[in-house]
Amino acid sequence: IQKTIKKTARREQLMREEAEQKRLKTVLELQFILEKLGDDEVRSDLKQGSNGVPVLTEEELTMLDEFYKLVYPERDMNMRLNEQYEQASVHLWDLLEGKEKPVCGTT
């Protein structure tokens, strides 16, 4: 019984670690995408729908820019860095959880 309990606990731990790794991977992918949106060539492709990418309006790109500012804030010397990152992490967490919470004029 003890051996079965240990195996089950280990399997559950591995599943939790795998789920967390997937969430971290999603955050890294989001970072990459948001960083690429700053590239003029990428923005042009998105506006025109060239190179097989979906077309995004200027309004949609602006919303993504605003979201970028929320999750990667510029350093505010009047606020503790920990507090800034805590606020940013709330937005990332809500995104990972798929919450229908309004952010930057959309959900």
Protein backbone atom coordinates (compact mmCIF):
# COMPACT_ATOMS: atom_id res chain seq x y z
CA ILE A 1 0.00 0.00 0.00
CA GLN A 2 2.84 2.38 0.90
CA LYS A 3 4.52 1.75 -2.44
CA THR A 4 1.28 2.45 -4.32
CA ILE A 5 0.76 5.67 -2.36
CA LYS A 6 4.30 6.83 -3.18
CA LYS A 7 3.85 5.99 -6.87
CA THR A 8 0.56 7.86 -6.98
CA ALA A 9 2.05 10.88 -5.22
CA ARG A 10 5.02 10.91 -7.59
CA ARG A 11 2.76 10.62 -10.64
CA GLU A 12 0.60 13.50 -9.37
CA GLN A 13 3.73 15.59 -8.74
CA LEU A 14 4.96 14.91 -12.29
CA MET A 15 1.56 15.91 -13.69
CA ARG A 16 1.62 19.18 -11.68
CA GLU A 17 5.14 19.92 -12.88
CA GLU A 18 4.16 19.21 -16.48
CA ALA A 19 1.14 21.53 -16.19
CA GLU A 20 3.29 24.31 -14.70
CA GLN A 21 5.89 23.82 -17.43
CA LYS A 22 3.18 24.24 -20.07
CA ARG A 23 2.00 27.44 -18.37
CA LEU A 24 5.55 28.79 -18.29
CA LYS A 25 5.95 27.89 -21.96
CA THR A 26 2.77 29.85 -22.72
CA VAL A 27 4.16 32.91 -20.90
CA LEU A 28 7.42 32.68 -22.85
CA GLU A 29 5.53 32.38 -26.14
CA LEU A 30 3.43 35.41 -25.17
CA GLN A 31 6.62 37.35 -24.37
CA PHE A 32 8.03 36.50 -27.77
CA ILE A 33 4.86 37.49 -29.60
CA LEU A 34 4.45 40.77 -27.74
CA GLU A 35 8.11 41.63 -28.34
CA LYS A 36 7.72 40.91 -32.08
CA LEU A 37 4.76 43.30 -32.27
CA GLY A 38 7.26 46.12 -31.80
CA ASP A 39 8.91 45.20 -35.11
CA ASP A 40 7.71 47.46 -37.96
CA GLU A 41 7.84 44.63 -40.49
CA VAL A 42 5.69 42.38 -38.31
CA ARG A 43 3.16 45.16 -37.74
CA SER A 44 3.00 45.84 -41.45
CA ASP A 45 2.39 42.14 -42.16
CA LEU A 46 -0.38 42.06 -39.56
CA LYS A 47 -2.08 45.15 -40.96
CA GLN A 48 -1.96 43.83 -44.53
CA GLY A 49 -2.38 40.13 -43.82
CA SER A 50 0.71 39.32 -45.84
CA ASN A 51 2.97 36.27 -45.35
CA GLY A 52 -0.02 34.18 -44.25
CA VAL A 53 -0.70 36.07 -41.02
CA PRO A 54 -4.19 37.12 -39.92
CA VAL A 55 -5.20 40.73 -40.43
CA LEU A 56 -5.32 42.89 -37.31
CA THR A 57 -6.76 46.38 -37.15
CA GLU A 58 -4.86 49.32 -35.73
CA GLU A 59 -7.26 49.22 -32.77
CA GLU A 60 -6.41 45.56 -32.08
CA LEU A 61 -2.70 46.30 -32.31
CA THR A 62 -3.14 49.22 -29.91
CA MET A 63 -4.90 46.92 -27.42
CA LEU A 64 -1.99 44.48 -27.64
CA ASP A 65 0.45 47.36 -27.12
CA GLU A 66 -1.48 48.40 -24.00
CA PHE A 67 -1.46 44.83 -22.73
CA TYR A 68 2.30 44.72 -23.30
CA LYS A 69 2.68 47.80 -21.11
CA LEU A 70 0.66 46.10 -18.37
CA VAL A 71 2.67 42.88 -18.30
CA TYR A 72 6.08 44.49 -18.95
CA PRO A 73 5.85 47.82 -17.14
CA GLU A 74 8.52 50.48 -17.40
CA ARG A 75 10.36 50.98 -14.16
CA ASP A 76 8.50 53.43 -11.92
CA MET A 77 10.90 54.68 -9.26
CA ASN A 78 7.94 55.81 -7.11
CA MET A 79 6.78 52.22 -6.78
CA ARG A 80 8.56 49.16 -5.45
CA LEU A 81 9.69 46.80 -8.22
CA ASN A 82 8.00 43.93 -6.41
CA GLU A 83 4.66 45.78 -6.53
CA GLN A 84 5.04 46.50 -10.24
CA TYR A 85 5.72 42.86 -11.01
CA GLU A 86 2.88 41.76 -8.78
CA GLN A 87 0.44 43.88 -10.80
CA ALA A 88 1.89 42.55 -14.05
CA SER A 89 1.66 38.97 -12.83
CA VAL A 90 -2.06 39.39 -12.11
CA HIS A 91 -2.68 40.17 -15.78
CA LEU A 92 -0.59 37.22 -16.93
CA TRP A 93 -2.34 34.92 -14.46
CA ASP A 94 -5.77 36.04 -15.64
CA LEU A 95 -4.72 35.36 -19.22
CA LEU A 96 -3.41 31.89 -18.37
CA GLU A 97 -6.60 31.11 -16.48
CA GLY A 98 -8.69 32.30 -19.42
CA LYS A 99 -10.69 34.71 -17.30
CA GLU A 100 -13.20 36.91 -19.07
CA LYS A 101 -11.91 39.96 -17.22
CA PRO A 102 -11.89 43.24 -19.17
CA VAL A 103 -8.36 44.49 -19.90
CA CYS A 104 -7.36 47.27 -22.31
CA GLY A 105 -10.89 47.61 -23.64
CA THR A 106 -11.46 43.92 -24.41
CA THR A 107 -11.74 40.51 -22.72
